[in-house]
Amino acid sequence: QTVLEIVGYIRKYTDKPIYLMCLPPRDVSILKELHHAGITEVTFNLEVFDRELAKSLMPGKGRLPLNVYDAAFKEAVALWGRNCNVRSAFVIGLESVETLFRGIEHICRLGVSPILSLFKPIPGTPLEYMLPPSDKEIAEICRGINKICQTYGVELGPSCRYCEDNTLKISVENLALDLR
């Protein structure tokens, strides 16, 4: 209800795009209200596709089952379309590449655009011992993800150039480079 009030207030003064990043609602009917109110883009970030691993890394959010995300993705794509207005972020480096690719394919099949973030271990945290992917691994992963996106006609997000500052986005031209 608070989000709807905020969107209503914003819409009184501007028609600029409004991007909502939130947990997927268990009651997807709220998405119709958000769309009608003027939200132009939504993101429900899975971050880790393997739900058991997600539970261990993100004890609260990781408990949300995939079917809750799927219901929200399907309803959101029905409302906002397959034009990069429905997205989900994944963190590269936390799960196997095979599982990551399964997750990317899963959402692309639904018409959802993936956004990539890179895992960066922070000293003093429980994951400080993990190594992030190498530049070569990142390039290979991005090539694979771009192929998946092309197969399903889904754009790799984010579509906002300002949002690229806190995500991993490699252009198709750069993927052709030999990154050693």
N, C-alpha and C. Protein backbone atom coordinates (compact mmCIF):
# COMPACT_ATOMS: atom_id res chain seq x y z
N GLN A 1 0.83 -1.19 0.00
CA GLN A 1 0.00 0.00 0.00
C GLN A 1 0.87 1.25 0.00
N THR A 2 1.96 1.21 0.77
CA THR A 2 2.87 2.36 0.82
C THR A 2 3.49 2.63 -0.55
N VAL A 3 3.89 1.57 -1.24
CA VAL A 3 4.47 1.74 -2.58
C VAL A 3 3.44 2.38 -3.51
N LEU A 4 2.21 1.94 -3.45
CA LEU A 4 1.17 2.51 -4.30
C LEU A 4 0.98 4.00 -4.00
N GLU A 5 1.04 4.37 -2.73
CA GLU A 5 0.91 5.77 -2.36
C GLU A 5 2.08 6.59 -2.90
N ILE A 6 3.27 6.04 -2.80
CA ILE A 6 4.46 6.75 -3.30
C ILE A 6 4.38 6.92 -4.81
N VAL A 7 4.00 5.86 -5.50
CA VAL A 7 3.87 5.94 -6.97
C VAL A 7 2.81 6.97 -7.34
N GLY A 8 1.71 6.98 -6.64
CA GLY A 8 0.66 7.97 -6.89
C GLY A 8 1.18 9.39 -6.72
N TYR A 9 1.95 9.61 -5.68
CA TYR A 9 2.53 10.93 -5.45
C TYR A 9 3.49 11.32 -6.58
N ILE A 10 4.36 10.39 -6.97
CA ILE A 10 5.32 10.66 -8.06
C ILE A 10 4.57 10.98 -9.35
N ARG A 11 3.54 10.21 -9.64
CA ARG A 11 2.78 10.39 -10.88
C ARG A 11 2.06 11.74 -10.95
N LYS A 12 1.82 12.37 -9.81
CA LYS A 12 1.22 13.71 -9.82
C LYS A 12 2.16 14.73 -10.45
N TYR A 13 3.47 14.46 -10.40
CA TYR A 13 4.45 15.46 -10.80
C TYR A 13 5.27 15.09 -12.03
N THR A 14 5.31 13.81 -12.40
CA THR A 14 6.15 13.42 -13.54
C THR A 14 5.66 12.13 -14.16
N ASP A 15 6.03 11.95 -15.41
CA ASP A 15 5.73 10.69 -16.09
C ASP A 15 7.01 9.88 -16.33
N LYS A 16 8.06 10.21 -15.60
CA LYS A 16 9.33 9.48 -15.73
C LYS A 16 9.13 8.02 -15.33
N PRO A 17 9.97 7.13 -15.88
CA PRO A 17 9.87 5.71 -15.53
C PRO A 17 10.08 5.49 -14.03
N ILE A 18 9.36 4.52 -13.50
CA ILE A 18 9.52 4.14 -12.09
C ILE A 18 9.88 2.66 -12.04
N TYR A 19 11.02 2.38 -11.45
CA TYR A 19 11.58 1.04 -11.39
C TYR A 19 11.42 0.51 -9.96
N LEU A 20 10.76 -0.64 -9.81
CA LEU A 20 10.56 -1.23 -8.49
C LEU A 20 11.35 -2.52 -8.38
N MET A 21 12.26 -2.58 -7.42
CA MET A 21 13.00 -3.79 -7.10
C MET A 21 12.51 -4.27 -5.74
N CYS A 22 11.96 -5.47 -5.71
CA CYS A 22 11.40 -5.97 -4.46
C CYS A 22 11.37 -7.50 -4.47
N LEU A 23 10.95 -8.06 -3.36
CA LEU A 23 10.71 -9.50 -3.31
C LEU A 23 9.47 -9.81 -4.12
N PRO A 24 9.39 -11.01 -4.68
CA PRO A 24 8.17 -11.34 -5.42
C PRO A 24 6.99 -11.46 -4.46
N PRO A 25 5.88 -10.85 -4.79
CA PRO A 25 4.73 -10.96 -3.89
C PRO A 25 4.11 -12.35 -3.97
N ARG A 26 3.68 -12.85 -2.83
CA ARG A 26 2.99 -14.15 -2.83
C ARG A 26 1.63 -14.04 -3.49
N ASP A 27 1.01 -12.87 -3.38
CA ASP A 27 -0.26 -12.61 -4.06
C ASP A 27 0.06 -11.75 -5.28
N VAL A 28 0.10 -12.37 -6.45
CA VAL A 28 0.53 -11.66 -7.66
C VAL A 28 -0.49 -10.63 -8.14
N SER A 29 -1.69 -10.62 -7.57
CA SER A 29 -2.68 -9.63 -8.00
C SER A 29 -2.21 -8.20 -7.70
N ILE A 30 -1.32 -8.06 -6.73
CA ILE A 30 -0.77 -6.72 -6.43
C ILE A 30 0.00 -6.16 -7.62
N LEU A 31 0.53 -7.03 -8.47
CA LEU A 31 1.28 -6.55 -9.63
C LEU A 31 0.39 -5.76 -10.58
N LYS A 32 -0.87 -6.15 -10.73
CA LYS A 32 -1.80 -5.40 -11.58
C LYS A 32 -1.99 -4.00 -11.02
N GLU A 33 -2.10 -3.89 -9.71
CA GLU A 33 -2.26 -2.58 -9.07
C GLU A 33 -1.01 -1.72 -9.29
N LEU A 34 0.16 -2.33 -9.15
CA LEU A 34 1.42 -1.59 -9.34
C LEU A 34 1.55 -1.12 -10.79
N HIS A 35 1.20 -1.99 -11.71
CA HIS A 35 1.26 -1.63 -13.13
C HIS A 35 0.28 -0.49 -13.43
N HIS A 36 -0.92 -0.62 -12.96
CA HIS A 36 -1.95 0.40 -13.17
C HIS A 36 -1.55 1.74 -12.53
N ALA A 37 -0.88 1.67 -11.39
CA ALA A 37 -0.47 2.89 -10.69
C ALA A 37 0.63 3.64 -11.43
N GLY A 38 1.39 2.94 -12.28
CA GLY A 38 2.43 3.62 -13.04
C GLY A 38 3.83 3.08 -12.90
N ILE A 39 4.00 1.96 -12.20
CA ILE A 39 5.32 1.32 -12.16
C ILE A 39 5.62 0.87 -13.59
N THR A 40 6.82 1.17 -14.09
CA THR A 40 7.16 0.85 -15.47
C THR A 40 8.12 -0.34 -15.61
N GLU A 41 8.79 -0.69 -14.53
CA GLU A 41 9.75 -1.80 -14.56
C GLU A 41 9.77 -2.47 -13.20
N VAL A 42 9.93 -3.81 -13.19
CA VAL A 42 10.02 -4.54 -11.92
C VAL A 42 11.17 -5.54 -11.97
N THR A 43 11.73 -5.78 -10.80
CA THR A 43 12.79 -6.76 -10.66
C THR A 43 12.57 -7.56 -9.39
N PHE A 44 12.63 -8.88 -9.56
CA PHE A 44 12.59 -9.82 -8.44
C PHE A 44 13.90 -10.60 -8.53
N ASN A 45 14.87 -10.27 -7.69
CA ASN A 45 16.21 -10.83 -7.81
C ASN A 45 16.34 -12.21 -7.16
N LEU A 46 16.53 -13.21 -8.01
CA LEU A 46 16.79 -14.56 -7.51
C LEU A 46 18.18 -14.64 -6.88
N GLU A 47 19.15 -14.06 -7.52
CA GLU A 47 20.56 -14.01 -7.12
C GLU A 47 21.24 -15.37 -7.15
N VAL A 48 20.63 -16.38 -6.58
CA VAL A 48 21.18 -17.75 -6.58
C VAL A 48 20.04 -18.67 -6.99
N PHE A 49 20.21 -19.40 -8.10
CA PHE A 49 19.13 -20.26 -8.59
C PHE A 49 18.96 -21.51 -7.73
N ASP A 50 20.05 -22.10 -7.29
CA ASP A 50 20.00 -23.30 -6.44
C ASP A 50 19.39 -22.88 -5.10
N ARG A 51 18.13 -23.25 -4.86
CA ARG A 51 17.41 -22.77 -3.69
C ARG A 51 18.01 -23.30 -2.38
N GLU A 52 18.61 -24.49 -2.38
CA GLU A 52 19.27 -24.97 -1.15
C GLU A 52 20.48 -24.12 -0.83
N LEU A 53 21.28 -23.80 -1.84
CA LEU A 53 22.42 -22.92 -1.65
C LEU A 53 21.94 -21.52 -1.25
N ALA A 54 20.87 -21.08 -1.87
CA ALA A 54 20.31 -19.76 -1.52
C ALA A 54 19.92 -19.70 -0.05
N LYS A 55 19.33 -20.79 0.47
CA LYS A 55 18.96 -20.81 1.89
C LYS A 55 20.18 -20.66 2.79
N SER A 56 21.29 -21.27 2.40
CA SER A 56 22.48 -21.19 3.25
C SER A 56 23.17 -19.83 3.13
N LEU A 57 23.12 -19.21 1.96
CA LEU A 57 23.78 -17.91 1.76
C LEU A 57 22.90 -16.73 2.16
N MET A 58 21.60 -16.90 1.96
CA MET A 58 20.64 -15.82 2.24
C MET A 58 19.50 -16.44 3.04
N PRO A 59 19.70 -16.67 4.33
CA PRO A 59 18.73 -17.45 5.12
C PRO A 59 17.29 -16.96 5.05
N GLY A 60 17.06 -15.70 4.96
CA GLY A 60 15.68 -15.20 4.88
C GLY A 60 15.15 -15.30 3.46
N LYS A 61 15.75 -14.55 2.57
CA LYS A 61 15.31 -14.50 1.18
C LYS A 61 15.44 -15.85 0.48
N GLY A 62 16.44 -16.62 0.84
CA GLY A 62 16.66 -17.92 0.22
C GLY A 62 15.55 -18.91 0.45
N ARG A 63 14.71 -18.66 1.45
CA ARG A 63 13.60 -19.58 1.75
C ARG A 63 12.42 -19.40 0.80
N LEU A 64 12.43 -18.33 0.02
CA LEU A 64 11.35 -18.15 -0.94
C LEU A 64 11.49 -19.21 -2.03
N PRO A 65 10.47 -20.04 -2.21
CA PRO A 65 10.59 -21.10 -3.21
C PRO A 65 10.52 -20.55 -4.64
N LEU A 66 11.05 -21.31 -5.55
CA LEU A 66 11.09 -20.91 -6.95
C LEU A 66 9.68 -20.67 -7.50
N ASN A 67 8.70 -21.41 -7.04
CA ASN A 67 7.34 -21.23 -7.58
C ASN A 67 6.78 -19.84 -7.24
N VAL A 68 7.20 -19.24 -6.14
CA VAL A 68 6.76 -17.88 -5.80
C VAL A 68 7.36 -16.89 -6.80
N TYR A 69 8.65 -17.06 -7.11
CA TYR A 69 9.29 -16.22 -8.12
C TYR A 69 8.62 -16.42 -9.48
N ASP A 70 8.41 -17.69 -9.85
CA ASP A 70 7.83 -17.98 -11.17
C ASP A 70 6.46 -17.34 -11.34
N ALA A 71 5.62 -17.42 -10.34
CA ALA A 71 4.28 -16.82 -10.43
C ALA A 71 4.40 -15.31 -10.65
N ALA A 72 5.30 -14.68 -9.91
CA ALA A 72 5.50 -13.23 -10.07
C ALA A 72 6.09 -12.91 -11.44
N PHE A 73 7.07 -13.70 -11.88
CA PHE A 73 7.66 -13.47 -13.21
C PHE A 73 6.59 -13.56 -14.30
N LYS A 74 5.79 -14.62 -14.25
CA LYS A 74 4.78 -14.84 -15.30
C LYS A 74 3.76 -13.70 -15.33
N GLU A 75 3.28 -13.31 -14.18
CA GLU A 75 2.30 -12.22 -14.13
C GLU A 75 2.94 -10.91 -14.57
N ALA A 76 4.16 -10.66 -14.14
CA ALA A 76 4.84 -9.41 -14.51
C ALA A 76 5.09 -9.34 -16.02
N VAL A 77 5.52 -10.44 -16.62
CA VAL A 77 5.73 -10.46 -18.07
C VAL A 77 4.41 -10.26 -18.79
N ALA A 78 3.33 -10.83 -18.29
CA ALA A 78 2.01 -10.62 -18.90
C ALA A 78 1.62 -9.14 -18.86
N LEU A 79 2.03 -8.44 -17.80
CA LEU A 79 1.67 -7.02 -17.65
C LEU A 79 2.65 -6.08 -18.35
N TRP A 80 3.95 -6.30 -18.15
CA TRP A 80 4.96 -5.37 -18.65
C TRP A 80 5.62 -5.83 -19.94
N GLY A 81 5.45 -7.08 -20.33
CA GLY A 81 6.00 -7.60 -21.57
C GLY A 81 7.42 -8.14 -21.44
N ARG A 82 7.93 -8.62 -22.57
CA ARG A 82 9.26 -9.24 -22.64
C ARG A 82 10.31 -8.23 -23.10
N ASN A 83 10.15 -6.99 -22.82
CA ASN A 83 11.01 -5.94 -23.36
C ASN A 83 12.00 -5.39 -22.33
N CYS A 84 12.51 -6.21 -21.48
CA CYS A 84 13.51 -5.84 -20.46
C CYS A 84 12.92 -5.04 -19.31
N ASN A 85 11.60 -5.01 -19.19
CA ASN A 85 10.96 -4.33 -18.07
C ASN A 85 10.72 -5.25 -16.89
N VAL A 86 10.99 -6.54 -17.07
CA VAL A 86 10.91 -7.51 -15.98
C VAL A 86 12.28 -8.18 -15.91
N ARG A 87 12.92 -8.08 -14.74
CA ARG A 87 14.30 -8.55 -14.64
C ARG A 87 14.53 -9.34 -13.35
N SER A 88 15.68 -10.03 -13.33
CA SER A 88 16.13 -10.71 -12.13
C SER A 88 17.65 -10.76 -12.15
N ALA A 89 18.26 -10.44 -11.02
CA ALA A 89 19.72 -10.46 -10.92
C ALA A 89 20.22 -11.82 -10.45
N PHE A 90 21.39 -12.17 -10.94
CA PHE A 90 22.11 -13.37 -10.52
C PHE A 90 23.53 -12.95 -10.14
N VAL A 91 24.08 -13.59 -9.12
CA VAL A 91 25.44 -13.30 -8.69
C VAL A 91 26.36 -14.38 -9.26
N ILE A 92 27.25 -13.96 -10.14
CA ILE A 92 28.21 -14.89 -10.75
C ILE A 92 29.29 -15.19 -9.74
N GLY A 93 29.54 -16.48 -9.51
CA GLY A 93 30.62 -16.90 -8.63
C GLY A 93 30.15 -17.56 -7.35
N LEU A 94 28.85 -17.62 -7.11
CA LEU A 94 28.35 -18.25 -5.89
C LEU A 94 27.89 -19.69 -6.12
N GLU A 95 27.50 -20.02 -7.34
CA GLU A 95 27.04 -21.38 -7.64
C GLU A 95 27.76 -21.86 -8.89
N SER A 96 27.61 -23.12 -9.20
CA SER A 96 28.29 -23.67 -10.37
C SER A 96 27.79 -22.97 -11.64
N VAL A 97 28.65 -22.95 -12.64
CA VAL A 97 28.28 -22.33 -13.91
C VAL A 97 27.09 -23.06 -14.51
N GLU A 98 27.04 -24.37 -14.38
CA GLU A 98 25.92 -25.14 -14.93
C GLU A 98 24.60 -24.72 -14.27
N THR A 99 24.61 -24.57 -12.96
CA THR A 99 23.40 -24.16 -12.25
C THR A 99 23.02 -22.73 -12.61
N LEU A 100 24.01 -21.86 -12.71
CA LEU A 100 23.77 -20.48 -13.13
C LEU A 100 23.10 -20.47 -14.50
N PHE A 101 23.64 -21.23 -15.46
CA PHE A 101 23.06 -21.29 -16.80
C PHE A 101 21.63 -21.83 -16.76
N ARG A 102 21.36 -22.84 -15.92
CA ARG A 102 20.00 -23.35 -15.79
C ARG A 102 19.06 -22.26 -15.29
N GLY A 103 19.53 -21.48 -14.33
CA GLY A 103 18.73 -20.38 -13.80
C GLY A 103 18.47 -19.30 -14.84
N ILE A 104 19.50 -18.94 -15.58
CA ILE A 104 19.34 -17.93 -16.63
C ILE A 104 18.36 -18.43 -17.69
N GLU A 105 18.52 -19.69 -18.09
CA GLU A 105 17.61 -20.24 -19.09
C GLU A 105 16.17 -20.29 -18.56
N HIS A 106 16.05 -20.63 -17.30
CA HIS A 106 14.73 -20.71 -16.66
C HIS A 106 13.99 -19.37 -16.77
N ILE A 107 14.64 -18.28 -16.40
CA ILE A 107 13.95 -17.00 -16.44
C ILE A 107 13.79 -16.48 -17.86
N CYS A 108 14.78 -16.73 -18.72
CA CYS A 108 14.67 -16.27 -20.11
C CYS A 108 13.49 -16.96 -20.80
N ARG A 109 13.29 -18.22 -20.51
CA ARG A 109 12.16 -18.96 -21.08
C ARG A 109 10.84 -18.27 -20.71
N LEU A 110 10.80 -17.65 -19.53
CA LEU A 110 9.60 -16.94 -19.07
C LEU A 110 9.50 -15.52 -19.63
N GLY A 111 10.57 -15.06 -20.29
CA GLY A 111 10.57 -13.70 -20.84
C GLY A 111 11.18 -12.67 -19.91
N VAL A 112 11.90 -13.13 -18.90
CA VAL A 112 12.53 -12.25 -17.91
C VAL A 112 13.99 -12.00 -18.31
N SER A 113 14.43 -10.75 -18.24
CA SER A 113 15.81 -10.39 -18.58
C SER A 113 16.72 -10.59 -17.38
N PRO A 114 17.84 -11.29 -17.57
CA PRO A 114 18.78 -11.43 -16.47
C PRO A 114 19.67 -10.20 -16.33
N ILE A 115 20.06 -9.94 -15.11
CA ILE A 115 21.07 -8.93 -14.78
C ILE A 115 22.17 -9.68 -14.04
N LEU A 116 23.41 -9.37 -14.33
CA LEU A 116 24.52 -10.07 -13.72
C LEU A 116 25.26 -9.18 -12.73
N SER A 117 25.57 -9.75 -11.59
CA SER A 117 26.45 -9.11 -10.61
C SER A 117 27.59 -10.08 -10.36
N LEU A 118 28.72 -9.56 -10.00
CA LEU A 118 29.90 -10.38 -9.77
C LEU A 118 30.16 -10.52 -8.28
N PHE A 119 30.31 -11.76 -7.83
CA PHE A 119 30.66 -12.01 -6.43
C PHE A 119 32.05 -11.46 -6.16
N LYS A 120 32.17 -10.70 -5.09
CA LYS A 120 33.46 -10.15 -4.65
C LYS A 120 33.59 -10.46 -3.17
N PRO A 121 34.52 -11.35 -2.81
CA PRO A 121 34.66 -11.68 -1.40
C PRO A 121 35.16 -10.49 -0.59
N ILE A 122 34.64 -10.35 0.61
CA ILE A 122 35.00 -9.24 1.48
C ILE A 122 35.69 -9.81 2.71
N PRO A 123 36.91 -9.32 3.01
CA PRO A 123 37.61 -9.80 4.21
C PRO A 123 36.76 -9.62 5.46
N GLY A 124 36.82 -10.61 6.33
CA GLY A 124 36.09 -10.55 7.58
C GLY A 124 34.67 -11.07 7.50
N THR A 125 34.27 -11.57 6.34
CA THR A 125 32.93 -12.14 6.18
C THR A 125 33.05 -13.66 6.03
N PRO A 126 31.97 -14.39 6.22
CA PRO A 126 32.03 -15.85 6.10
C PRO A 126 32.50 -16.37 4.73
N LEU A 127 32.35 -15.57 3.68
CA LEU A 127 32.74 -16.01 2.34
C LEU A 127 34.08 -15.44 1.88
N GLU A 128 34.85 -14.90 2.81
CA GLU A 128 36.11 -14.27 2.43
C GLU A 128 37.09 -15.23 1.77
N TYR A 129 36.95 -16.51 2.02
CA TYR A 129 37.86 -17.52 1.48
C TYR A 129 37.56 -17.86 0.01
N MET A 130 36.39 -17.53 -0.46
CA MET A 130 36.01 -17.89 -1.83
C MET A 130 36.72 -17.01 -2.84
N LEU A 131 37.13 -17.63 -3.92
CA LEU A 131 37.76 -16.87 -5.00
C LEU A 131 36.70 -16.45 -6.01
N PRO A 132 36.76 -15.20 -6.45
CA PRO A 132 35.83 -14.79 -7.50
C PRO A 132 36.27 -15.40 -8.83
N PRO A 133 35.39 -15.46 -9.79
CA PRO A 133 35.77 -15.99 -11.10
C PRO A 133 36.87 -15.12 -11.73
N SER A 134 37.72 -15.76 -12.52
CA SER A 134 38.77 -15.03 -13.24
C SER A 134 38.15 -14.27 -14.41
N ASP A 135 38.92 -13.36 -14.98
CA ASP A 135 38.43 -12.60 -16.14
C ASP A 135 38.04 -13.54 -17.27
N LYS A 136 38.85 -14.57 -17.49
CA LYS A 136 38.57 -15.53 -18.56
C LYS A 136 37.26 -16.28 -18.27
N GLU A 137 37.07 -16.70 -17.02
CA GLU A 137 35.82 -17.39 -16.65
C GLU A 137 34.62 -16.46 -16.82
N ILE A 138 34.77 -15.21 -16.42
CA ILE A 138 33.68 -14.24 -16.56
C ILE A 138 33.30 -14.09 -18.03
N ALA A 139 34.30 -13.96 -18.90
CA ALA A 139 34.03 -13.82 -20.33
C ALA A 139 33.31 -15.04 -20.88
N GLU A 140 33.75 -16.24 -20.47
CA GLU A 140 33.09 -17.47 -20.93
C GLU A 140 31.66 -17.56 -20.43
N ILE A 141 31.45 -17.19 -19.18
CA ILE A 141 30.10 -17.19 -18.61
C ILE A 141 29.21 -16.20 -19.36
N CYS A 142 29.72 -15.02 -19.61
CA CYS A 142 28.93 -14.00 -20.32
C CYS A 142 28.61 -14.43 -21.74
N ARG A 143 29.55 -15.10 -22.40
CA ARG A 143 29.27 -15.62 -23.74
C ARG A 143 28.11 -16.62 -23.68
N GLY A 144 28.17 -17.52 -22.71
CA GLY A 144 27.11 -18.51 -22.56
C GLY A 144 25.77 -17.88 -22.25
N ILE A 145 25.77 -16.88 -21.39
CA ILE A 145 24.53 -16.20 -21.03
C ILE A 145 23.98 -15.42 -22.21
N ASN A 146 24.85 -14.78 -22.98
CA ASN A 146 24.37 -14.08 -24.18
C ASN A 146 23.72 -15.04 -25.17
N LYS A 147 24.28 -16.24 -25.31
CA LYS A 147 23.68 -17.24 -26.21
C LYS A 147 22.29 -17.64 -25.71
N ILE A 148 22.17 -17.84 -24.41
CA ILE A 148 20.86 -18.18 -23.84
C ILE A 148 19.86 -17.05 -24.10
N CYS A 149 20.28 -15.82 -23.84
CA CYS A 149 19.40 -14.67 -24.06
C CYS A 149 18.96 -14.60 -25.53
N GLN A 150 19.90 -14.80 -26.44
CA GLN A 150 19.57 -14.74 -27.86
C GLN A 150 18.59 -15.85 -28.24
N THR A 151 18.78 -17.04 -27.68
CA THR A 151 17.89 -18.16 -27.97
C THR A 151 16.44 -17.83 -27.63
N TYR A 152 16.23 -17.13 -26.53
CA TYR A 152 14.88 -16.82 -26.07
C TYR A 152 14.43 -15.40 -26.42
N GLY A 153 15.24 -14.67 -27.16
CA GLY A 153 14.86 -13.32 -27.57
C GLY A 153 14.72 -12.36 -26.41
N VAL A 154 15.59 -12.54 -25.41
CA VAL A 154 15.54 -11.71 -24.20
C VAL A 154 16.85 -10.92 -24.12
N GLU A 155 16.73 -9.66 -23.76
CA GLU A 155 17.91 -8.80 -23.65
C GLU A 155 18.59 -8.97 -22.29
N LEU A 156 19.92 -9.03 -22.29
CA LEU A 156 20.66 -9.04 -21.05
C LEU A 156 20.57 -7.65 -20.43
N GLY A 157 20.08 -7.57 -19.21
CA GLY A 157 19.90 -6.28 -18.54
C GLY A 157 21.16 -5.80 -17.87
N PRO A 158 21.13 -4.67 -17.30
CA PRO A 158 19.99 -3.75 -17.24
C PRO A 158 19.90 -2.92 -18.51
N SER A 159 18.72 -2.41 -18.79
CA SER A 159 18.53 -1.56 -19.96
C SER A 159 18.93 -0.12 -19.66
N CYS A 160 18.97 0.24 -18.40
CA CYS A 160 19.34 1.58 -17.96
C CYS A 160 20.87 1.71 -17.93
N ARG A 161 21.42 2.65 -18.68
CA ARG A 161 22.89 2.76 -18.72
C ARG A 161 23.48 3.18 -17.37
N TYR A 162 22.71 3.90 -16.57
CA TYR A 162 23.19 4.30 -15.25
C TYR A 162 23.27 3.10 -14.30
N CYS A 163 22.37 2.16 -14.50
CA CYS A 163 22.34 0.96 -13.65
C CYS A 163 23.53 0.04 -13.93
N GLU A 164 24.16 0.19 -15.08
CA GLU A 164 25.29 -0.67 -15.44
C GLU A 164 26.48 -0.45 -14.50
N ASP A 165 26.50 0.67 -13.80
CA ASP A 165 27.63 0.95 -12.91
C ASP A 165 27.73 -0.03 -11.75
N ASN A 166 26.64 -0.66 -11.37
CA ASN A 166 26.70 -1.61 -10.25
C ASN A 166 26.32 -3.02 -10.68
N THR A 167 26.51 -3.31 -11.98
CA THR A 167 26.26 -4.66 -12.49
C THR A 167 27.40 -5.06 -13.41
N LEU A 168 27.34 -6.30 -13.88
CA LEU A 168 28.31 -6.79 -14.84
C LEU A 168 27.60 -6.87 -16.18
N LYS A 169 28.02 -6.04 -17.11
CA LYS A 169 27.44 -6.09 -18.44
C LYS A 169 28.57 -5.97 -19.44
N ILE A 170 28.71 -6.99 -20.24
CA ILE A 170 29.75 -7.01 -21.26
C ILE A 170 29.04 -7.01 -22.60
N SER A 171 29.40 -6.06 -23.44
CA SER A 171 28.76 -5.96 -24.75
C SER A 171 29.16 -7.15 -25.62
N VAL A 172 28.33 -7.43 -26.60
CA VAL A 172 28.61 -8.53 -27.53
C VAL A 172 29.94 -8.28 -28.22
N GLU A 173 30.26 -7.02 -28.54
CA GLU A 173 31.52 -6.70 -29.19
C GLU A 173 32.70 -7.09 -28.31
N ASN A 174 32.61 -6.80 -27.01
CA ASN A 174 33.70 -7.15 -26.09
C ASN A 174 33.83 -8.64 -25.89
N LEU A 175 32.74 -9.39 -26.03
CA LEU A 175 32.81 -10.84 -25.88
C LEU A 175 33.59 -11.48 -27.01
N ALA A 176 33.67 -10.79 -28.14
CA ALA A 176 34.43 -11.32 -29.27
C ALA A 176 35.93 -11.20 -29.01
N LEU A 177 36.34 -10.36 -28.08
CA LEU A 177 37.75 -10.18 -27.74
C LEU A 177 38.28 -11.41 -27.02
N ASP A 178 39.55 -11.66 -27.19
CA ASP A 178 40.18 -12.77 -26.50
C ASP A 178 40.65 -12.28 -25.13
N LEU A 179 39.85 -12.48 -24.11
CA LEU A 179 40.18 -12.02 -22.75
C LEU A 179 40.95 -13.12 -22.03
N ARG A 180 42.22 -12.97 -21.91
CA ARG A 180 43.05 -14.00 -21.25
C ARG A 180 43.30 -13.63 -19.82
